[in-house]
Each structure stands twice: as C-alpha cells, then as structure tokens.
C-alpha cells in the first residue's frame, strides 16, 4: 500500500513480481491481502491527522488498490 501510495501501482506491482521471482507467491492470497490492507486504511485514515490534500491522495490511492484487488478476485 505504501509503495502504491508513494510511487504508483507500477512500483507496487514490480515489488510483488520481484518477490515472486525469489519465492513462491500465491497470487490469489496476495489479492486478498491487497484487499484487506487498503480497506483497513480507508476505514481508519480519517483519524490519522493528515492534511486534507494528503488525505485525499491516500484515499484515492487506497481506493485504486482496493478496486484492483477486487478485480483480481473477480469481484470488481
């Protein structure tokens, strides 16, 4: 989620691909993790004390990550 938020989807996906090249990765389980983490952040981020513009940026990035996970799971 942090890579996605800071550097975009390509950076987050590149890390997952690099990790998968070194160790077995169950992509279905990874998609569930990619659903859980942004959903949790979306639930609690209003209490983080972020500036409004940063909150909007984080919300947009985590919404995108959540939606990608839902699509990967065939639910989006």
PDB file of N, CA and C in Angstrom:
ATOM      1  N   UNK A   1       0.816  -1.192   0.000  1.00  0.00           N
ATOM      2  CA  UNK A   1       0.000   0.000   0.000  1.00  0.00           C
ATOM      3  C   UNK A   1       0.865   1.264   0.000  1.00  0.00           C
ATOM      4  N   UNK A   2       1.939   1.242   0.783  1.00  0.00           N
ATOM      5  CA  UNK A   2       2.796   2.426   0.819  1.00  0.00           C
ATOM      6  C   UNK A   2       3.469   2.676  -0.525  1.00  0.00           C
ATOM      7  N   UNK A   3       3.969   1.622  -1.156  1.00  0.00           N
ATOM      8  CA  UNK A   3       4.568   1.805  -2.483  1.00  0.00           C
ATOM      9  C   UNK A   3       3.544   2.342  -3.466  1.00  0.00           C
ATOM     10  N   UNK A   4       2.360   1.794  -3.432  1.00  0.00           N
ATOM     11  CA  UNK A   4       1.290   2.254  -4.328  1.00  0.00           C
ATOM     12  C   UNK A   4       0.995   3.730  -4.077  1.00  0.00           C
ATOM     13  N   UNK A   5       0.873   4.084  -2.820  1.00  0.00           N
ATOM     14  CA  UNK A   5       0.554   5.468  -2.467  1.00  0.00           C
ATOM     15  C   UNK A   5       1.666   6.431  -2.866  1.00  0.00           C
ATOM     16  N   UNK A   6       2.911   6.033  -2.622  1.00  0.00           N
ATOM     17  CA  UNK A   6       4.038   6.939  -2.866  1.00  0.00           C
ATOM     18  C   UNK A   6       4.501   6.967  -4.316  1.00  0.00           C
ATOM     19  N   UNK A   7       4.470   5.790  -4.989  1.00  0.00           N
ATOM     20  CA  UNK A   7       5.085   5.702  -6.309  1.00  0.00           C
ATOM     21  C   UNK A   7       4.167   5.165  -7.401  1.00  0.00           C
ATOM     22  N   UNK A   8       2.958   4.753  -7.021  1.00  0.00           N
ATOM     23  CA  UNK A   8       2.002   4.287  -8.014  1.00  0.00           C
ATOM     24  C   UNK A   8       1.915   2.775  -8.115  1.00  0.00           C
ATOM     25  N   UNK A   9       0.930   2.349  -8.866  1.00  0.00           N
ATOM     26  CA  UNK A   9       0.625   0.929  -8.995  1.00  0.00           C
ATOM     27  C   UNK A   9       1.788   0.147  -9.608  1.00  0.00           C
ATOM     28  N   UNK A  10       2.495   0.739 -10.556  1.00  0.00           N
ATOM     29  CA  UNK A  10       3.590   0.031 -11.222  1.00  0.00           C
ATOM     30  C   UNK A  10       4.680  -0.354 -10.224  1.00  0.00           C
ATOM     31  N   UNK A  11       4.990   0.524  -9.290  1.00  0.00           N
ATOM     32  CA  UNK A  11       6.019   0.223  -8.290  1.00  0.00           C
ATOM     33  C   UNK A  11       5.563  -0.907  -7.365  1.00  0.00           C
ATOM     34  N   UNK A  12       4.323  -0.869  -6.937  1.00  0.00           N
ATOM     35  CA  UNK A  12       3.810  -1.915  -6.054  1.00  0.00           C
ATOM     36  C   UNK A  12       3.782  -3.262  -6.776  1.00  0.00           C
ATOM     37  N   UNK A  13       3.368  -3.250  -8.022  1.00  0.00           N
ATOM     38  CA  UNK A  13       3.334  -4.492  -8.798  1.00  0.00           C
ATOM     39  C   UNK A  13       4.744  -5.006  -9.083  1.00  0.00           C
ATOM     40  N   UNK A  14       5.685  -4.105  -9.315  1.00  0.00           N
ATOM     41  CA  UNK A  14       7.073  -4.515  -9.560  1.00  0.00           C
ATOM     42  C   UNK A  14       7.660  -5.202  -8.330  1.00  0.00           C
ATOM     43  N   UNK A  15       7.353  -4.698  -7.145  1.00  0.00           N
ATOM     44  CA  UNK A  15       7.827  -5.350  -5.924  1.00  0.00           C
ATOM     45  C   UNK A  15       7.230  -6.751  -5.799  1.00  0.00           C
ATOM     46  N   UNK A  16       5.945  -6.885  -6.045  1.00  0.00           N
ATOM     47  CA  UNK A  16       5.298  -8.201  -5.967  1.00  0.00           C
ATOM     48  C   UNK A  16       5.914  -9.162  -6.980  1.00  0.00           C
ATOM     49  N   UNK A  17       6.187  -8.689  -8.179  1.00  0.00           N
ATOM     50  CA  UNK A  17       6.799  -9.534  -9.207  1.00  0.00           C
ATOM     51  C   UNK A  17       8.217  -9.948  -8.818  1.00  0.00           C
ATOM     52  N   UNK A  18       8.988  -9.007  -8.268  1.00  0.00           N
ATOM     53  CA  UNK A  18      10.354  -9.315  -7.851  1.00  0.00           C
ATOM     54  C   UNK A  18      10.351 -10.328  -6.702  1.00  0.00           C
ATOM     55  N   UNK A  19       9.448 -10.161  -5.781  1.00  0.00           N
ATOM     56  CA  UNK A  19       9.338 -11.103  -4.676  1.00  0.00           C
ATOM     57  C   UNK A  19       8.946 -12.480  -5.187  1.00  0.00           C
ATOM     58  N   UNK A  20       7.993 -12.526  -6.109  1.00  0.00           N
ATOM     59  CA  UNK A  20       7.530 -13.803  -6.669  1.00  0.00           C
ATOM     60  C   UNK A  20       8.643 -14.517  -7.431  1.00  0.00           C
ATOM     61  N   UNK A  21       9.581 -13.760  -7.974  1.00  0.00           N
ATOM     62  CA  UNK A  21      10.705 -14.368  -8.685  1.00  0.00           C
ATOM     63  C   UNK A  21      11.661 -15.077  -7.721  1.00  0.00           C
ATOM     64  N   UNK A  22      11.629 -14.699  -6.455  1.00  0.00           N
ATOM     65  CA  UNK A  22      12.538 -15.263  -5.458  1.00  0.00           C
ATOM     66  C   UNK A  22      11.892 -16.307  -4.554  1.00  0.00           C
ATOM     67  N   UNK A  23      10.589 -16.249  -4.436  1.00  0.00           N
ATOM     68  CA  UNK A  23       9.881 -17.150  -3.521  1.00  0.00           C
ATOM     69  C   UNK A  23       8.493 -17.435  -4.076  1.00  0.00           C
ATOM     70  N   UNK A  24       7.954 -18.597  -3.757  1.00  0.00           N
ATOM     71  CA  UNK A  24       6.608 -18.897  -4.232  1.00  0.00           C
ATOM     72  C   UNK A  24       5.591 -17.911  -3.650  1.00  0.00           C
ATOM     73  N   UNK A  25       4.735 -17.409  -4.512  1.00  0.00           N
ATOM     74  CA  UNK A  25       3.698 -16.469  -4.091  1.00  0.00           C
ATOM     75  C   UNK A  25       2.368 -16.968  -4.635  1.00  0.00           C
ATOM     76  N   UNK A  26       1.416 -17.117  -3.759  1.00  0.00           N
ATOM     77  CA  UNK A  26       0.061 -17.466  -4.165  1.00  0.00           C
ATOM     78  C   UNK A  26      -0.645 -16.154  -4.515  1.00  0.00           C
ATOM     79  N   UNK A  27      -0.779 -15.875  -5.797  1.00  0.00           N
ATOM     80  CA  UNK A  27      -1.346 -14.599  -6.241  1.00  0.00           C
ATOM     81  C   UNK A  27      -2.770 -14.397  -5.731  1.00  0.00           C
ATOM     82  N   UNK A  28      -3.536 -15.463  -5.554  1.00  0.00           N
ATOM     83  CA  UNK A  28      -4.893 -15.316  -5.024  1.00  0.00           C
ATOM     84  C   UNK A  28      -4.849 -14.807  -3.585  1.00  0.00           C
ATOM     85  N   UNK A  29      -3.936 -15.373  -2.793  1.00  0.00           N
ATOM     86  CA  UNK A  29      -3.808 -14.896  -1.408  1.00  0.00           C
ATOM     87  C   UNK A  29      -3.272 -13.477  -1.362  1.00  0.00           C
ATOM     88  N   UNK A  30      -2.376 -13.143  -2.270  1.00  0.00           N
ATOM     89  CA  UNK A  30      -1.865 -11.781  -2.334  1.00  0.00           C
ATOM     90  C   UNK A  30      -2.996 -10.809  -2.657  1.00  0.00           C
ATOM     91  N   UNK A  31      -3.898 -11.197  -3.539  1.00  0.00           N
ATOM     92  CA  UNK A  31      -5.036 -10.331  -3.868  1.00  0.00           C
ATOM     93  C   UNK A  31      -5.911 -10.093  -2.642  1.00  0.00           C
ATOM     94  N   UNK A  32      -6.086 -11.117  -1.798  1.00  0.00           N
ATOM     95  CA  UNK A  32      -6.860 -10.913  -0.567  1.00  0.00           C
ATOM     96  C   UNK A  32      -6.147  -9.934   0.360  1.00  0.00           C
ATOM     97  N   UNK A  33      -4.816 -10.032   0.449  1.00  0.00           N
ATOM     98  CA  UNK A  33      -4.050  -9.085   1.260  1.00  0.00           C
ATOM     99  C   UNK A  33      -4.184  -7.677   0.692  1.00  0.00           C
ATOM    100  N   UNK A  34      -4.117  -7.583  -0.640  1.00  0.00           N
ATOM    101  CA  UNK A  34      -4.264  -6.279  -1.291  1.00  0.00           C
ATOM    102  C   UNK A  34      -5.681  -5.727  -1.149  1.00  0.00           C
ATOM    103  N   UNK A  35      -6.620  -6.545  -0.820  1.00  0.00           N
ATOM    104  CA  UNK A  35      -7.968  -6.070  -0.496  1.00  0.00           C
ATOM    105  C   UNK A  35      -8.030  -5.628   0.971  1.00  0.00           C
ATOM    106  N   UNK A  36      -7.478  -6.434   1.845  1.00  0.00           N
ATOM    107  CA  UNK A  36      -7.539  -6.146   3.278  1.00  0.00           C
ATOM    108  C   UNK A  36      -6.840  -4.839   3.649  1.00  0.00           C
ATOM    109  N   UNK A  37      -5.602  -4.671   3.218  1.00  0.00           N
ATOM    110  CA  UNK A  37      -4.811  -3.519   3.663  1.00  0.00           C
ATOM    111  C   UNK A  37      -5.419  -2.168   3.257  1.00  0.00           C
ATOM    112  N   UNK A  38      -5.764  -1.950   1.992  1.00  0.00           N
ATOM    113  CA  UNK A  38      -6.339  -0.642   1.677  1.00  0.00           C
ATOM    114  C   UNK A  38      -7.715  -0.448   2.310  1.00  0.00           C
ATOM    115  N   UNK A  39      -8.472  -1.531   2.472  1.00  0.00           N
ATOM    116  CA  UNK A  39      -9.780  -1.397   3.109  1.00  0.00           C
ATOM    117  C   UNK A  39      -9.613  -0.951   4.560  1.00  0.00           C
ATOM    118  N   UNK A  40      -8.640  -1.530   5.249  1.00  0.00           N
ATOM    119  CA  UNK A  40      -8.367  -1.114   6.622  1.00  0.00           C
ATOM    120  C   UNK A  40      -7.925   0.346   6.669  1.00  0.00           C
ATOM    121  N   UNK A  41      -7.062   0.731   5.748  1.00  0.00           N
ATOM    122  CA  UNK A  41      -6.606   2.124   5.723  1.00  0.00           C
ATOM    123  C   UNK A  41      -7.759   3.067   5.421  1.00  0.00           C
ATOM    124  N   UNK A  42      -8.613   2.705   4.468  1.00  0.00           N
ATOM    125  CA  UNK A  42      -9.762   3.546   4.148  1.00  0.00           C
ATOM    126  C   UNK A  42     -10.691   3.694   5.350  1.00  0.00           C
ATOM    127  N   UNK A  43     -10.776   2.661   6.160  1.00  0.00           N
ATOM    128  CA  UNK A  43     -11.648   2.690   7.334  1.00  0.00           C
ATOM    129  C   UNK A  43     -11.138   3.651   8.405  1.00  0.00           C
ATOM    130  N   UNK A  44      -9.824   3.693   8.603  1.00  0.00           N
ATOM    131  CA  UNK A  44      -9.270   4.420   9.739  1.00  0.00           C
ATOM    132  C   UNK A  44      -8.526   5.707   9.404  1.00  0.00           C
ATOM    133  N   UNK A  45      -8.277   6.004   8.141  1.00  0.00           N
ATOM    134  CA  UNK A  45      -7.404   7.132   7.790  1.00  0.00           C
ATOM    135  C   UNK A  45      -7.930   8.495   8.217  1.00  0.00           C
ATOM    136  N   UNK A  46      -9.221   8.630   8.419  1.00  0.00           N
ATOM    137  CA  UNK A  46      -9.731   9.935   8.847  1.00  0.00           C
ATOM    138  C   UNK A  46      -9.194  10.333  10.223  1.00  0.00           C
ATOM    139  N   UNK A  47      -8.765   9.374  11.014  1.00  0.00           N
ATOM    140  CA  UNK A  47      -8.223   9.656  12.334  1.00  0.00           C
ATOM    141  C   UNK A  47      -6.716   9.815  12.369  1.00  0.00           C
ATOM    142  N   UNK A  48      -6.058   9.809  11.233  1.00  0.00           N
ATOM    143  CA  UNK A  48      -4.604   9.885  11.196  1.00  0.00           C
ATOM    144  C   UNK A  48      -4.056  11.298  11.318  1.00  0.00           C
ATOM    145  N   UNK A  49      -4.900  12.289  11.214  1.00  0.00           N
ATOM    146  CA  UNK A  49      -4.442  13.672  11.328  1.00  0.00           C
ATOM    147  C   UNK A  49      -3.721  14.198  10.103  1.00  0.00           C
ATOM    148  N   UNK A  50      -3.991  13.615   8.950  1.00  0.00           N
ATOM    149  CA  UNK A  50      -3.348  14.070   7.713  1.00  0.00           C
ATOM    150  C   UNK A  50      -3.954  15.390   7.239  1.00  0.00           C
ATOM    151  N   UNK A  51      -3.137  16.162   6.556  1.00  0.00           N
ATOM    152  CA  UNK A  51      -3.645  17.372   5.903  1.00  0.00           C
ATOM    153  C   UNK A  51      -4.675  16.957   4.854  1.00  0.00           C
ATOM    154  N   UNK A  52      -5.662  17.796   4.590  1.00  0.00           N
ATOM    155  CA  UNK A  52      -6.726  17.422   3.656  1.00  0.00           C
ATOM    156  C   UNK A  52      -6.233  16.952   2.290  1.00  0.00           C
ATOM    157  N   UNK A  53      -5.209  17.603   1.744  1.00  0.00           N
ATOM    158  CA  UNK A  53      -4.718  17.196   0.423  1.00  0.00           C
ATOM    159  C   UNK A  53      -4.023  15.829   0.481  1.00  0.00           C
ATOM    160  N   UNK A  54      -3.298  15.555   1.561  1.00  0.00           N
ATOM    161  CA  UNK A  54      -2.654  14.251   1.719  1.00  0.00           C
ATOM    162  C   UNK A  54      -3.702  13.169   1.961  1.00  0.00           C
ATOM    163  N   UNK A  55      -4.716  13.472   2.746  1.00  0.00           N
ATOM    164  CA  UNK A  55      -5.804  12.530   2.981  1.00  0.00           C
ATOM    165  C   UNK A  55      -6.496  12.173   1.673  1.00  0.00           C
ATOM    166  N   UNK A  56      -6.734  13.160   0.835  1.00  0.00           N
ATOM    167  CA  UNK A  56      -7.370  12.907  -0.468  1.00  0.00           C
ATOM    168  C   UNK A  56      -6.481  12.018  -1.336  1.00  0.00           C
ATOM    169  N   UNK A  57      -5.168  12.268  -1.301  1.00  0.00           N
ATOM    170  CA  UNK A  57      -4.233  11.457  -2.090  1.00  0.00           C
ATOM    171  C   UNK A  57      -4.216  10.013  -1.602  1.00  0.00           C
ATOM    172  N   UNK A  58      -4.126   9.825  -0.293  1.00  0.00           N
ATOM    173  CA  UNK A  58      -4.093   8.479   0.269  1.00  0.00           C
ATOM    174  C   UNK A  58      -5.412   7.766  -0.028  1.00  0.00           C
ATOM    175  N   UNK A  59      -6.527   8.479   0.134  1.00  0.00           N
ATOM    176  CA  UNK A  59      -7.829   7.868  -0.130  1.00  0.00           C
ATOM    177  C   UNK A  59      -7.938   7.417  -1.589  1.00  0.00           C
ATOM    178  N   UNK A  60      -7.488   8.235  -2.519  1.00  0.00           N
ATOM    179  CA  UNK A  60      -7.549   7.869  -3.940  1.00  0.00           C
ATOM    180  C   UNK A  60      -6.666   6.657  -4.234  1.00  0.00           C
ATOM    181  N   UNK A  61      -5.458   6.644  -3.695  1.00  0.00           N
ATOM    182  CA  UNK A  61      -4.540   5.527  -3.944  1.00  0.00           C
ATOM    183  C   UNK A  61      -5.073   4.231  -3.348  1.00  0.00           C
ATOM    184  N   UNK A  62      -5.605   4.295  -2.132  1.00  0.00           N
ATOM    185  CA  UNK A  62      -6.095   3.077  -1.490  1.00  0.00           C
ATOM    186  C   UNK A  62      -7.402   2.591  -2.127  1.00  0.00           C
ATOM    187  N   UNK A  63      -8.202   3.507  -2.625  1.00  0.00           N
ATOM    188  CA  UNK A  63      -9.400   3.108  -3.360  1.00  0.00           C
ATOM    189  C   UNK A  63      -8.999   2.384  -4.639  1.00  0.00           C
ATOM    190  N   UNK A  64      -7.982   2.911  -5.332  1.00  0.00           N
ATOM    191  CA  UNK A  64      -7.491   2.259  -6.543  1.00  0.00           C
ATOM    192  C   UNK A  64      -6.944   0.869  -6.233  1.00  0.00           C
ATOM    193  N   UNK A  65      -6.155   0.760  -5.166  1.00  0.00           N
ATOM    194  CA  UNK A  65      -5.568  -0.540  -4.797  1.00  0.00           C
ATOM    195  C   UNK A  65      -6.660  -1.543  -4.428  1.00  0.00           C
ATOM    196  N   UNK A  66      -7.649  -1.092  -3.657  1.00  0.00           N
ATOM    197  CA  UNK A  66      -8.766  -1.960  -3.276  1.00  0.00           C
ATOM    198  C   UNK A  66      -9.537  -2.437  -4.503  1.00  0.00           C
ATOM    199  N   UNK A  67      -9.804  -1.518  -5.422  1.00  0.00           N
ATOM    200  CA  UNK A  67     -10.554  -1.866  -6.622  1.00  0.00           C
ATOM    201  C   UNK A  67      -9.780  -2.843  -7.497  1.00  0.00           C
ATOM    202  N   UNK A  68      -8.462  -2.693  -7.574  1.00  0.00           N
ATOM    203  CA  UNK A  68      -7.637  -3.648  -8.330  1.00  0.00           C
ATOM    204  C   UNK A  68      -7.686  -5.031  -7.687  1.00  0.00           C
ATOM    205  N   UNK A  69      -7.652  -5.069  -6.381  1.00  0.00           N
ATOM    206  CA  UNK A  69      -7.735  -6.356  -5.683  1.00  0.00           C
ATOM    207  C   UNK A  69      -9.087  -7.021  -5.946  1.00  0.00           C
ATOM    208  N   UNK A  70     -10.143  -6.244  -5.879  1.00  0.00           N
ATOM    209  CA  UNK A  70     -11.468  -6.793  -6.163  1.00  0.00           C
ATOM    210  C   UNK A  70     -11.537  -7.345  -7.583  1.00  0.00           C
ATOM    211  N   UNK A  71     -10.959  -6.629  -8.527  1.00  0.00           N
ATOM    212  CA  UNK A  71     -10.935  -7.120  -9.917  1.00  0.00           C
ATOM    213  C   UNK A  71     -10.129  -8.407 -10.033  1.00  0.00           C
ATOM    214  N   UNK A  72      -8.989  -8.466  -9.345  1.00  0.00           N
ATOM    215  CA  UNK A  72      -8.157  -9.676  -9.392  1.00  0.00           C
ATOM    216  C   UNK A  72      -8.882 -10.869  -8.788  1.00  0.00           C
ATOM    217  N   UNK A  73      -9.765 -10.605  -7.857  1.00  0.00           N
ATOM    218  CA  UNK A  73     -10.544 -11.657  -7.218  1.00  0.00           C
ATOM    219  C   UNK A  73     -11.843 -11.960  -7.980  1.00  0.00           C
ATOM    220  N   UNK A  74     -12.054 -11.277  -9.103  1.00  0.00           N
ATOM    221  CA  UNK A  74     -13.251 -11.487  -9.902  1.00  0.00           C
ATOM    222  C   UNK A  74     -14.499 -10.889  -9.275  1.00  0.00           C
ATOM    223  N   UNK A  75     -14.301  -9.869  -8.440  1.00  0.00           N
ATOM    224  CA  UNK A  75     -15.412  -9.247  -7.754  1.00  0.00           C
ATOM    225  C   UNK A  75     -15.520  -7.765  -8.069  1.00  0.00           C
ATOM    226  N   UNK A  76     -14.792  -7.307  -9.045  1.00  0.00           N
ATOM    227  CA  UNK A  76     -14.788  -5.872  -9.320  1.00  0.00           C
ATOM    228  C   UNK A  76     -15.379  -5.511 -10.646  1.00  0.00           C
TER     229      UNK A  76
END
